[in-house]
Amino acid sequence: MNLQENIQRIREMMGLITEGLHETSWENVDEISNELDEYSRTLKNARKQGSGLRFPKTAIKYNPLRFRPYSREKLDIQKEEQTEGLHDTSWENDEGDKITLMDLLNATENIPVKKVSVKELIPHLLSWDGDEEEIKKIEKSDLKYPILIFVDDDGKFISIIDGHHRAQKAARHGLKTIKAKEIPINQLPKKIKKVFGHMV
């Protein structure tokens, strides 16, 4: 293996993208190899001991996203917020019957996720033009989660029941499709269907 192949291998392993690296001398290669050894040891220790360990400065410099600060507390807060959202989002009818988003998700877990046309959804989207808070929510929304759409027995659109911000984000970014669950409203459990009876 020649010098160029060695350097290329090291660049791939470390993710080093630097101008002039092709001019690296053997001394530099040894130095980077030492960094790789330290990096490997650190990763091995990290698996055993968890976070809070120090990484080579070279690795951090050239891979800022990979080595961004880790905070278990922050991750726990994000997880709590997501869980709370599933229970906080709810619907209630005039009789006081109430269901949460989690109830709806549990009842429709066997309905497959599919891709639906964003263009066909646009006429049904809520508009928050001029509302900065809602626009922030739109941009912050995560498109990996499917929107929930009620349809009739023939599969015709009734309403977006959850995911207006995600659908707006898809429309604003010019996406052609978005993940969705099309839920036949008449096939919902009686308890849930009762809450959405006005849509039937």
N, C-alpha and C. Protein backbone atom coordinates (compact mmCIF):
# COMPACT_ATOMS: atom_id res chain seq x y z
N MET A 1 0.85 -1.19 0.00
CA MET A 1 0.00 0.00 0.00
C MET A 1 0.89 1.24 0.00
N ASN A 2 0.67 2.15 -0.96
CA ASN A 2 1.53 3.32 -1.05
C ASN A 2 1.05 4.45 -0.14
N LEU A 3 1.79 5.54 -0.15
CA LEU A 3 1.49 6.67 0.73
C LEU A 3 0.09 7.22 0.48
N GLN A 4 -0.28 7.39 -0.79
CA GLN A 4 -1.59 7.97 -1.10
C GLN A 4 -2.72 7.08 -0.58
N GLU A 5 -2.57 5.77 -0.73
CA GLU A 5 -3.61 4.84 -0.25
C GLU A 5 -3.72 4.88 1.26
N ASN A 6 -2.57 5.00 1.94
CA ASN A 6 -2.57 5.11 3.40
C ASN A 6 -3.32 6.36 3.85
N ILE A 7 -3.00 7.46 3.18
CA ILE A 7 -3.63 8.74 3.55
C ILE A 7 -5.13 8.67 3.30
N GLN A 8 -5.53 8.10 2.16
CA GLN A 8 -6.95 8.00 1.84
C GLN A 8 -7.69 7.16 2.89
N ARG A 9 -7.06 6.07 3.31
CA ARG A 9 -7.67 5.20 4.32
C ARG A 9 -7.86 5.96 5.63
N ILE A 10 -6.82 6.73 6.01
CA ILE A 10 -6.91 7.50 7.25
C ILE A 10 -7.99 8.57 7.15
N ARG A 11 -8.08 9.21 5.98
CA ARG A 11 -9.11 10.24 5.78
C ARG A 11 -10.50 9.64 5.94
N GLU A 12 -10.70 8.44 5.41
CA GLU A 12 -12.01 7.79 5.50
C GLU A 12 -12.33 7.43 6.94
N MET A 13 -11.32 6.95 7.66
CA MET A 13 -11.55 6.53 9.04
C MET A 13 -11.83 7.71 9.95
N MET A 14 -11.17 8.80 9.74
CA MET A 14 -11.31 9.96 10.62
C MET A 14 -12.28 11.01 10.08
N GLY A 15 -12.64 10.88 8.82
CA GLY A 15 -13.52 11.88 8.25
C GLY A 15 -12.81 13.20 8.04
N LEU A 16 -11.50 13.13 7.87
CA LEU A 16 -10.73 14.36 7.71
C LEU A 16 -10.83 14.84 6.28
N ILE A 17 -11.41 16.01 6.11
CA ILE A 17 -11.51 16.60 4.77
C ILE A 17 -10.75 17.91 4.81
N THR A 18 -9.54 17.85 4.41
CA THR A 18 -8.69 19.03 4.49
C THR A 18 -7.95 19.23 3.18
N GLU A 19 -7.78 20.48 2.83
CA GLU A 19 -7.00 20.79 1.63
C GLU A 19 -5.52 20.53 1.94
N GLY A 20 -4.88 19.96 0.97
CA GLY A 20 -3.46 19.74 1.12
C GLY A 20 -3.11 18.49 1.88
N LEU A 21 -4.09 17.67 2.22
CA LEU A 21 -3.78 16.45 2.95
C LEU A 21 -2.97 15.48 2.10
N HIS A 22 -3.12 15.60 0.77
CA HIS A 22 -2.36 14.73 -0.12
C HIS A 22 -0.86 14.99 -0.02
N GLU A 23 -0.49 16.10 0.61
CA GLU A 23 0.93 16.41 0.77
C GLU A 23 1.47 15.97 2.12
N THR A 24 0.62 15.25 2.90
CA THR A 24 1.03 14.82 4.23
C THR A 24 2.27 13.94 4.18
N SER A 25 3.21 14.18 5.07
CA SER A 25 4.43 13.38 5.12
C SER A 25 4.19 12.14 5.98
N TRP A 26 5.20 11.23 5.97
CA TRP A 26 5.07 10.04 6.80
C TRP A 26 4.98 10.40 8.28
N GLU A 27 5.64 11.48 8.68
CA GLU A 27 5.57 11.90 10.07
C GLU A 27 4.14 12.26 10.44
N ASN A 28 3.46 12.96 9.51
CA ASN A 28 2.07 13.32 9.76
C ASN A 28 1.18 12.08 9.85
N VAL A 29 1.48 11.12 9.00
CA VAL A 29 0.69 9.89 9.00
C VAL A 29 0.82 9.19 10.34
N ASP A 30 2.05 9.13 10.88
CA ASP A 30 2.25 8.51 12.19
C ASP A 30 1.48 9.25 13.26
N GLU A 31 1.49 10.58 13.15
CA GLU A 31 0.78 11.39 14.14
C GLU A 31 -0.72 11.11 14.09
N ILE A 32 -1.26 11.04 12.86
CA ILE A 32 -2.68 10.76 12.72
C ILE A 32 -3.01 9.35 13.18
N SER A 33 -2.11 8.40 12.91
CA SER A 33 -2.31 7.03 13.36
C SER A 33 -2.40 6.97 14.87
N ASN A 34 -1.54 7.76 15.54
CA ASN A 34 -1.60 7.83 17.00
C ASN A 34 -2.95 8.37 17.47
N GLU A 35 -3.43 9.39 16.72
CA GLU A 35 -4.75 9.95 17.04
C GLU A 35 -5.82 8.87 16.88
N LEU A 36 -5.69 8.04 15.83
CA LEU A 36 -6.66 6.97 15.60
C LEU A 36 -6.64 5.97 16.75
N ASP A 37 -5.43 5.62 17.22
CA ASP A 37 -5.32 4.70 18.34
C ASP A 37 -6.00 5.27 19.58
N GLU A 38 -5.75 6.56 19.82
CA GLU A 38 -6.38 7.22 20.98
C GLU A 38 -7.89 7.25 20.81
N TYR A 39 -8.32 7.54 19.59
CA TYR A 39 -9.75 7.59 19.28
C TYR A 39 -10.41 6.24 19.56
N SER A 40 -9.75 5.15 19.12
CA SER A 40 -10.28 3.80 19.31
C SER A 40 -10.38 3.46 20.79
N ARG A 41 -9.30 3.81 21.53
CA ARG A 41 -9.32 3.53 22.96
C ARG A 41 -10.42 4.31 23.65
N THR A 42 -10.59 5.55 23.24
CA THR A 42 -11.60 6.39 23.86
C THR A 42 -13.00 5.85 23.61
N LEU A 43 -13.25 5.40 22.36
CA LEU A 43 -14.56 4.82 22.04
C LEU A 43 -14.81 3.56 22.86
N LYS A 44 -13.77 2.74 23.01
CA LYS A 44 -13.90 1.51 23.78
C LYS A 44 -14.25 1.84 25.23
N ASN A 45 -13.56 2.84 25.79
CA ASN A 45 -13.83 3.25 27.16
C ASN A 45 -15.22 3.86 27.29
N ALA A 46 -15.62 4.59 26.25
CA ALA A 46 -16.92 5.25 26.29
C ALA A 46 -18.04 4.21 26.37
N ARG A 47 -17.85 3.11 25.65
CA ARG A 47 -18.87 2.05 25.69
C ARG A 47 -18.99 1.46 27.09
N LYS A 48 -17.85 1.39 27.79
CA LYS A 48 -17.85 0.81 29.13
C LYS A 48 -18.34 1.80 30.18
N GLN A 49 -17.93 3.07 30.03
CA GLN A 49 -18.14 4.03 31.10
C GLN A 49 -19.22 5.08 30.81
N GLY A 50 -19.66 5.17 29.56
CA GLY A 50 -20.67 6.16 29.24
C GLY A 50 -20.05 7.47 28.80
N SER A 51 -20.79 8.58 28.99
CA SER A 51 -20.35 9.88 28.50
C SER A 51 -19.37 10.55 29.46
N GLY A 52 -18.88 11.72 29.06
CA GLY A 52 -18.02 12.50 29.92
C GLY A 52 -16.55 12.29 29.66
N LEU A 53 -16.20 11.46 28.65
CA LEU A 53 -14.80 11.22 28.34
C LEU A 53 -14.28 12.23 27.34
N ARG A 54 -12.97 12.38 27.28
CA ARG A 54 -12.36 13.35 26.38
C ARG A 54 -12.00 12.69 25.05
N PHE A 55 -12.27 13.39 23.96
CA PHE A 55 -11.96 12.88 22.63
C PHE A 55 -10.78 13.67 22.06
N PRO A 56 -10.03 13.08 21.12
CA PRO A 56 -8.90 13.80 20.50
C PRO A 56 -9.36 15.10 19.88
N LYS A 57 -8.57 16.15 20.05
CA LYS A 57 -8.93 17.46 19.50
C LYS A 57 -9.08 17.41 17.99
N THR A 58 -8.23 16.61 17.34
CA THR A 58 -8.29 16.50 15.88
C THR A 58 -9.63 15.96 15.43
N ALA A 59 -10.10 14.91 16.13
CA ALA A 59 -11.37 14.30 15.78
C ALA A 59 -12.51 15.29 15.98
N ILE A 60 -12.48 16.03 17.08
CA ILE A 60 -13.52 17.01 17.37
C ILE A 60 -13.51 18.13 16.34
N LYS A 61 -12.30 18.59 15.99
CA LYS A 61 -12.17 19.70 15.04
C LYS A 61 -12.78 19.37 13.69
N TYR A 62 -12.51 18.17 13.19
CA TYR A 62 -12.96 17.82 11.85
C TYR A 62 -14.32 17.11 11.82
N ASN A 63 -14.88 16.81 12.97
CA ASN A 63 -16.19 16.16 13.05
C ASN A 63 -17.05 16.83 14.11
N PRO A 64 -17.33 18.13 13.99
CA PRO A 64 -18.05 18.85 15.05
C PRO A 64 -19.43 18.29 15.34
N LEU A 65 -20.13 17.78 14.32
CA LEU A 65 -21.47 17.25 14.55
C LEU A 65 -21.42 15.92 15.28
N ARG A 66 -20.44 15.09 14.91
CA ARG A 66 -20.32 13.78 15.55
C ARG A 66 -20.00 13.90 17.02
N PHE A 67 -19.23 14.94 17.37
CA PHE A 67 -18.78 15.09 18.75
C PHE A 67 -19.46 16.27 19.45
N ARG A 68 -20.70 16.57 19.05
CA ARG A 68 -21.42 17.65 19.73
C ARG A 68 -21.69 17.23 21.18
N PRO A 69 -21.80 18.20 22.09
CA PRO A 69 -21.98 17.88 23.51
C PRO A 69 -23.17 16.95 23.74
N TYR A 70 -22.97 15.98 24.60
CA TYR A 70 -24.01 15.00 24.92
C TYR A 70 -24.61 15.35 26.27
N SER A 71 -25.91 15.35 26.35
CA SER A 71 -26.57 15.64 27.61
C SER A 71 -27.73 14.67 27.81
N ARG A 72 -27.55 13.73 28.72
CA ARG A 72 -28.61 12.77 29.00
C ARG A 72 -29.86 13.49 29.51
N GLU A 73 -29.64 14.55 30.30
CA GLU A 73 -30.77 15.30 30.85
C GLU A 73 -31.61 15.91 29.72
N LYS A 74 -30.92 16.45 28.71
CA LYS A 74 -31.63 17.06 27.58
C LYS A 74 -32.43 16.01 26.82
N LEU A 75 -31.81 14.83 26.61
CA LEU A 75 -32.51 13.76 25.91
C LEU A 75 -33.74 13.30 26.68
N ASP A 76 -33.61 13.23 28.01
CA ASP A 76 -34.74 12.82 28.85
C ASP A 76 -35.87 13.83 28.75
N ILE A 77 -35.52 15.13 28.71
CA ILE A 77 -36.54 16.18 28.60
C ILE A 77 -37.26 16.07 27.27
N GLN A 78 -36.49 15.84 26.18
CA GLN A 78 -37.11 15.70 24.86
C GLN A 78 -38.05 14.51 24.84
N LYS A 79 -37.64 13.40 25.46
CA LYS A 79 -38.48 12.21 25.48
C LYS A 79 -39.77 12.48 26.27
N GLU A 80 -39.63 13.20 27.39
CA GLU A 80 -40.81 13.54 28.19
C GLU A 80 -41.77 14.42 27.41
N GLU A 81 -41.21 15.40 26.66
CA GLU A 81 -42.04 16.30 25.88
C GLU A 81 -42.82 15.54 24.81
N GLN A 82 -42.15 14.57 24.16
CA GLN A 82 -42.82 13.78 23.14
C GLN A 82 -43.94 12.94 23.76
N THR A 83 -43.64 12.32 24.91
CA THR A 83 -44.64 11.49 25.58
C THR A 83 -45.82 12.33 26.04
N GLU A 84 -45.51 13.51 26.61
CA GLU A 84 -46.58 14.39 27.07
C GLU A 84 -47.47 14.80 25.92
N GLY A 85 -46.87 15.08 24.77
CA GLY A 85 -47.64 15.50 23.61
C GLY A 85 -48.66 14.47 23.19
N LEU A 86 -48.30 13.19 23.32
CA LEU A 86 -49.21 12.11 22.94
C LEU A 86 -50.43 12.08 23.84
N HIS A 87 -50.26 12.48 25.08
CA HIS A 87 -51.38 12.47 26.03
C HIS A 87 -52.07 13.83 26.13
N ASP A 88 -51.33 14.90 25.83
CA ASP A 88 -51.90 16.24 25.93
C ASP A 88 -52.82 16.56 24.76
N THR A 89 -52.48 16.06 23.57
CA THR A 89 -53.35 16.28 22.42
C THR A 89 -54.59 15.43 22.60
N SER A 90 -55.74 16.07 22.63
CA SER A 90 -56.97 15.32 22.88
C SER A 90 -58.16 15.96 22.18
N TRP A 91 -59.23 15.20 22.09
CA TRP A 91 -60.47 15.68 21.49
C TRP A 91 -61.62 15.33 22.44
N GLU A 92 -62.62 16.20 22.49
CA GLU A 92 -63.74 15.99 23.40
C GLU A 92 -65.03 16.41 22.70
N ASN A 93 -66.08 15.61 22.89
CA ASN A 93 -67.37 15.98 22.30
C ASN A 93 -68.23 16.76 23.29
N ASP A 94 -69.42 17.14 22.88
CA ASP A 94 -70.30 17.96 23.73
C ASP A 94 -70.75 17.23 24.98
N GLU A 95 -70.73 15.90 24.94
CA GLU A 95 -71.16 15.12 26.12
C GLU A 95 -70.04 14.92 27.12
N GLY A 96 -68.84 15.40 26.78
CA GLY A 96 -67.71 15.26 27.69
C GLY A 96 -66.87 14.02 27.46
N ASP A 97 -67.19 13.24 26.43
CA ASP A 97 -66.35 12.08 26.10
C ASP A 97 -65.03 12.59 25.52
N LYS A 98 -63.96 12.01 25.98
CA LYS A 98 -62.64 12.52 25.60
C LYS A 98 -61.70 11.38 25.24
N ILE A 99 -60.88 11.59 24.20
CA ILE A 99 -59.81 10.63 23.86
C ILE A 99 -58.53 11.42 23.61
N THR A 100 -57.40 10.76 23.80
CA THR A 100 -56.11 11.39 23.56
C THR A 100 -55.52 10.89 22.24
N LEU A 101 -54.48 11.57 21.80
CA LEU A 101 -53.78 11.14 20.60
C LEU A 101 -53.25 9.72 20.79
N MET A 102 -52.79 9.40 21.99
CA MET A 102 -52.30 8.06 22.27
C MET A 102 -53.41 7.02 22.09
N ASP A 103 -54.62 7.35 22.52
CA ASP A 103 -55.76 6.45 22.32
C ASP A 103 -55.97 6.18 20.84
N LEU A 104 -55.91 7.25 20.05
CA LEU A 104 -56.14 7.12 18.60
C LEU A 104 -55.02 6.31 17.94
N LEU A 105 -53.77 6.56 18.36
CA LEU A 105 -52.64 5.82 17.80
C LEU A 105 -52.72 4.34 18.13
N ASN A 106 -53.11 4.03 19.35
CA ASN A 106 -53.24 2.63 19.75
C ASN A 106 -54.34 1.93 18.95
N ALA A 107 -55.42 2.65 18.70
CA ALA A 107 -56.55 2.06 17.97
C ALA A 107 -56.27 1.87 16.49
N THR A 108 -55.27 2.59 15.98
CA THR A 108 -54.98 2.53 14.54
C THR A 108 -53.59 1.98 14.25
N GLU A 109 -53.00 1.28 15.21
CA GLU A 109 -51.62 0.81 15.05
C GLU A 109 -51.45 -0.17 13.89
N ASN A 110 -52.52 -0.85 13.50
CA ASN A 110 -52.43 -1.82 12.41
C ASN A 110 -52.66 -1.21 11.03
N ILE A 111 -53.00 0.07 11.00
CA ILE A 111 -53.18 0.74 9.71
C ILE A 111 -51.80 1.11 9.17
N PRO A 112 -51.47 0.70 7.97
CA PRO A 112 -50.12 0.96 7.44
C PRO A 112 -49.90 2.44 7.11
N VAL A 113 -48.65 2.85 7.23
CA VAL A 113 -48.26 4.21 6.83
C VAL A 113 -48.03 4.20 5.32
N LYS A 114 -48.55 5.20 4.65
CA LYS A 114 -48.35 5.32 3.20
C LYS A 114 -47.96 6.74 2.87
N LYS A 115 -47.57 6.98 1.64
CA LYS A 115 -47.25 8.33 1.19
C LYS A 115 -48.43 8.90 0.42
N VAL A 116 -48.85 10.10 0.82
CA VAL A 116 -49.97 10.74 0.14
C VAL A 116 -49.50 12.04 -0.50
N SER A 117 -50.24 12.50 -1.47
CA SER A 117 -49.89 13.71 -2.21
C SER A 117 -50.08 14.95 -1.35
N VAL A 118 -49.02 15.76 -1.25
CA VAL A 118 -49.10 17.02 -0.51
C VAL A 118 -50.01 18.00 -1.26
N LYS A 119 -49.94 17.98 -2.57
CA LYS A 119 -50.74 18.89 -3.39
C LYS A 119 -52.23 18.71 -3.12
N GLU A 120 -52.67 17.46 -2.93
CA GLU A 120 -54.08 17.20 -2.67
C GLU A 120 -54.49 17.63 -1.26
N LEU A 121 -53.52 17.76 -0.36
CA LEU A 121 -53.82 18.17 1.01
C LEU A 121 -53.90 19.68 1.17
N ILE A 122 -53.24 20.41 0.29
CA ILE A 122 -53.11 21.87 0.44
C ILE A 122 -54.45 22.58 0.66
N PRO A 123 -55.52 22.24 -0.08
CA PRO A 123 -56.80 22.94 0.14
C PRO A 123 -57.39 22.71 1.53
N HIS A 124 -56.90 21.68 2.23
CA HIS A 124 -57.47 21.33 3.54
C HIS A 124 -56.59 21.79 4.71
N LEU A 125 -55.46 22.44 4.41
CA LEU A 125 -54.54 22.81 5.47
C LEU A 125 -54.98 24.06 6.21
N LEU A 126 -54.69 24.08 7.51
CA LEU A 126 -54.89 25.29 8.30
C LEU A 126 -53.80 26.28 7.92
N SER A 127 -54.11 27.57 8.00
CA SER A 127 -53.12 28.59 7.66
C SER A 127 -52.80 29.43 8.88
N TRP A 128 -51.49 29.61 9.11
CA TRP A 128 -51.05 30.43 10.24
C TRP A 128 -50.18 31.58 9.77
N ASP A 129 -50.41 32.07 8.58
CA ASP A 129 -49.60 33.16 8.04
C ASP A 129 -49.63 34.35 8.99
N GLY A 130 -48.44 34.84 9.32
CA GLY A 130 -48.35 36.00 10.21
C GLY A 130 -48.22 35.63 11.67
N ASP A 131 -48.49 34.38 12.04
CA ASP A 131 -48.37 33.94 13.42
C ASP A 131 -46.99 33.30 13.60
N GLU A 132 -46.06 34.07 14.17
CA GLU A 132 -44.67 33.62 14.27
C GLU A 132 -44.51 32.36 15.11
N GLU A 133 -45.29 32.24 16.17
CA GLU A 133 -45.19 31.07 17.04
C GLU A 133 -45.59 29.80 16.29
N GLU A 134 -46.68 29.90 15.53
CA GLU A 134 -47.14 28.73 14.78
C GLU A 134 -46.17 28.39 13.65
N ILE A 135 -45.59 29.41 13.04
CA ILE A 135 -44.63 29.18 11.96
C ILE A 135 -43.39 28.47 12.52
N LYS A 136 -42.98 28.83 13.74
CA LYS A 136 -41.86 28.13 14.39
C LYS A 136 -42.21 26.66 14.61
N LYS A 137 -43.46 26.41 15.01
CA LYS A 137 -43.90 25.03 15.24
C LYS A 137 -43.88 24.25 13.93
N ILE A 138 -44.26 24.93 12.85
CA ILE A 138 -44.25 24.28 11.53
C ILE A 138 -42.84 23.84 11.19
N GLU A 139 -41.87 24.73 11.34
CA GLU A 139 -40.49 24.41 10.98
C GLU A 139 -39.86 23.39 11.92
N LYS A 140 -40.35 23.38 13.16
CA LYS A 140 -39.81 22.45 14.15
C LYS A 140 -40.43 21.06 14.03
N SER A 141 -41.56 20.95 13.36
CA SER A 141 -42.28 19.68 13.26
C SER A 141 -41.43 18.63 12.55
N ASP A 142 -41.62 17.39 12.94
CA ASP A 142 -40.79 16.28 12.45
C ASP A 142 -41.57 15.43 11.45
N LEU A 143 -41.10 15.43 10.22
CA LEU A 143 -41.80 14.74 9.14
C LEU A 143 -41.61 13.22 9.16
N LYS A 144 -40.84 12.72 10.10
CA LYS A 144 -40.70 11.27 10.17
C LYS A 144 -41.95 10.62 10.77
N TYR A 145 -42.77 11.44 11.45
CA TYR A 145 -44.01 10.93 12.01
C TYR A 145 -45.16 11.15 11.02
N PRO A 146 -45.96 10.12 10.76
CA PRO A 146 -47.05 10.29 9.78
C PRO A 146 -48.18 11.17 10.31
N ILE A 147 -48.81 11.90 9.40
CA ILE A 147 -50.00 12.64 9.77
C ILE A 147 -51.17 11.66 9.79
N LEU A 148 -52.25 12.01 10.47
CA LEU A 148 -53.42 11.14 10.57
C LEU A 148 -54.58 11.78 9.82
N ILE A 149 -55.13 11.03 8.87
CA ILE A 149 -56.22 11.54 8.04
C ILE A 149 -57.43 10.65 8.19
N PHE A 150 -58.59 11.24 8.45
CA PHE A 150 -59.84 10.48 8.45
C PHE A 150 -60.37 10.40 7.03
N VAL A 151 -60.80 9.21 6.64
CA VAL A 151 -61.42 9.02 5.34
C VAL A 151 -62.74 8.28 5.53
N ASP A 152 -63.62 8.35 4.51
CA ASP A 152 -64.88 7.62 4.60
C ASP A 152 -64.70 6.19 4.12
N ASP A 153 -65.82 5.47 4.00
CA ASP A 153 -65.74 4.06 3.61
C ASP A 153 -65.18 3.86 2.21
N ASP A 154 -65.26 4.89 1.38
CA ASP A 154 -64.74 4.81 0.01
C ASP A 154 -63.32 5.34 -0.10
N GLY A 155 -62.73 5.71 1.05
CA GLY A 155 -61.37 6.22 1.04
C GLY A 155 -61.27 7.70 0.70
N LYS A 156 -62.41 8.39 0.69
CA LYS A 156 -62.39 9.82 0.37
C LYS A 156 -62.04 10.64 1.61
N PHE A 157 -61.29 11.70 1.38
CA PHE A 157 -60.80 12.57 2.45
C PHE A 157 -61.94 13.18 3.26
N ILE A 158 -61.79 13.15 4.60
CA ILE A 158 -62.71 13.85 5.49
C ILE A 158 -61.99 15.00 6.19
N SER A 159 -60.88 14.67 6.86
CA SER A 159 -60.16 15.71 7.61
C SER A 159 -58.78 15.22 8.04
N ILE A 160 -57.85 16.18 8.16
CA ILE A 160 -56.57 15.88 8.82
C ILE A 160 -56.85 16.00 10.32
N ILE A 161 -56.74 14.91 11.02
CA ILE A 161 -57.07 14.93 12.44
C ILE A 161 -55.85 15.23 13.31
N ASP A 162 -54.66 14.92 12.77
CA ASP A 162 -53.43 15.25 13.49
C ASP A 162 -52.30 15.41 12.48
N GLY A 163 -51.55 16.51 12.60
CA GLY A 163 -50.40 16.70 11.73
C GLY A 163 -50.48 17.90 10.80
N HIS A 164 -51.29 18.90 11.16
CA HIS A 164 -51.40 20.09 10.31
C HIS A 164 -50.06 20.81 10.16
N HIS A 165 -49.28 20.87 11.25
CA HIS A 165 -47.98 21.55 11.17
C HIS A 165 -47.03 20.80 10.23
N ARG A 166 -47.03 19.46 10.33
CA ARG A 166 -46.19 18.67 9.45
C ARG A 166 -46.61 18.82 7.99
N ALA A 167 -47.90 18.81 7.76
CA ALA A 167 -48.39 18.95 6.39
C ALA A 167 -48.05 20.33 5.83
N GLN A 168 -48.15 21.35 6.68
CA GLN A 168 -47.77 22.70 6.25
C GLN A 168 -46.28 22.76 5.92
N LYS A 169 -45.47 22.10 6.73
CA LYS A 169 -44.03 22.09 6.48
C LYS A 169 -43.73 21.43 5.14
N ALA A 170 -44.39 20.32 4.88
CA ALA A 170 -44.19 19.63 3.61
C ALA A 170 -44.58 20.52 2.44
N ALA A 171 -45.68 21.25 2.58
CA ALA A 171 -46.15 22.14 1.52
C ALA A 171 -45.18 23.31 1.32
N ARG A 172 -44.73 23.88 2.44
CA ARG A 172 -43.82 25.04 2.36
C ARG A 172 -42.48 24.67 1.75
N HIS A 173 -42.06 23.42 1.95
CA HIS A 173 -40.77 22.98 1.44
C HIS A 173 -40.89 22.32 0.07
N GLY A 174 -42.06 22.35 -0.48
CA GLY A 174 -42.25 21.84 -1.84
C GLY A 174 -42.14 20.33 -1.98
N LEU A 175 -42.43 19.59 -0.91
CA LEU A 175 -42.38 18.13 -0.99
C LEU A 175 -43.58 17.61 -1.77
N LYS A 176 -43.38 16.54 -2.49
CA LYS A 176 -44.47 15.97 -3.29
C LYS A 176 -45.37 15.06 -2.47
N THR A 177 -44.76 14.35 -1.50
CA THR A 177 -45.54 13.43 -0.68
C THR A 177 -45.20 13.59 0.79
N ILE A 178 -46.06 13.04 1.62
CA ILE A 178 -45.83 13.05 3.07
C ILE A 178 -46.34 11.74 3.64
N LYS A 179 -45.69 11.26 4.69
CA LYS A 179 -46.15 10.03 5.35
C LYS A 179 -47.50 10.28 6.02
N ALA A 180 -48.39 9.30 5.88
CA ALA A 180 -49.73 9.47 6.46
C ALA A 180 -50.37 8.12 6.75
N LYS A 181 -51.30 8.15 7.69
CA LYS A 181 -52.19 7.02 7.91
C LYS A 181 -53.59 7.47 7.52
N GLU A 182 -54.19 6.76 6.60
CA GLU A 182 -55.56 7.07 6.21
C GLU A 182 -56.49 6.16 7.02
N ILE A 183 -57.24 6.77 7.92
CA ILE A 183 -58.04 6.03 8.90
C ILE A 183 -59.51 6.07 8.52
N PRO A 184 -60.10 4.92 8.18
CA PRO A 184 -61.55 4.87 7.92
C PRO A 184 -62.30 5.16 9.21
N ILE A 185 -62.96 6.28 9.26
CA ILE A 185 -63.57 6.74 10.51
C ILE A 185 -64.63 5.77 11.03
N ASN A 186 -65.32 5.11 10.12
CA ASN A 186 -66.38 4.18 10.54
C ASN A 186 -65.86 2.88 11.10
N GLN A 187 -64.55 2.64 10.96
CA GLN A 187 -63.97 1.42 11.49
C GLN A 187 -63.30 1.64 12.85
N LEU A 188 -63.39 2.84 13.37
CA LEU A 188 -62.81 3.14 14.67
C LEU A 188 -63.63 2.48 15.78
N PRO A 189 -62.99 2.18 16.92
CA PRO A 189 -63.75 1.65 18.06
C PRO A 189 -64.87 2.61 18.45
N LYS A 190 -65.94 2.06 18.99
CA LYS A 190 -67.14 2.84 19.31
C LYS A 190 -66.83 4.06 20.19
N LYS A 191 -65.95 3.86 21.18
CA LYS A 191 -65.61 4.94 22.11
C LYS A 191 -64.98 6.12 21.38
N ILE A 192 -64.09 5.83 20.44
CA ILE A 192 -63.41 6.88 19.69
C ILE A 192 -64.33 7.49 18.65
N LYS A 193 -65.07 6.64 17.97
CA LYS A 193 -65.98 7.12 16.92
C LYS A 193 -67.03 8.07 17.51
N LYS A 194 -67.41 7.83 18.75
CA LYS A 194 -68.40 8.67 19.42
C LYS A 194 -67.90 10.12 19.52
N VAL A 195 -66.61 10.29 19.81
CA VAL A 195 -66.03 11.63 19.96
C VAL A 195 -66.02 12.36 18.61
N PHE A 196 -65.81 11.60 17.53
CA PHE A 196 -65.74 12.22 16.20
C PHE A 196 -67.05 12.02 15.41
N GLY A 197 -68.14 11.79 16.13
CA GLY A 197 -69.42 11.52 15.49
C GLY A 197 -69.89 12.62 14.55
N HIS A 198 -69.51 13.87 14.85
CA HIS A 198 -69.93 14.99 14.02
C HIS A 198 -69.30 14.98 12.64
N MET A 199 -68.25 14.15 12.46
CA MET A 199 -67.57 14.09 11.17
C MET A 199 -68.14 13.01 10.26
N VAL A 200 -68.88 12.10 10.85
CA VAL A 200 -69.39 10.97 10.08
C VAL A 200 -70.53 11.42 9.14
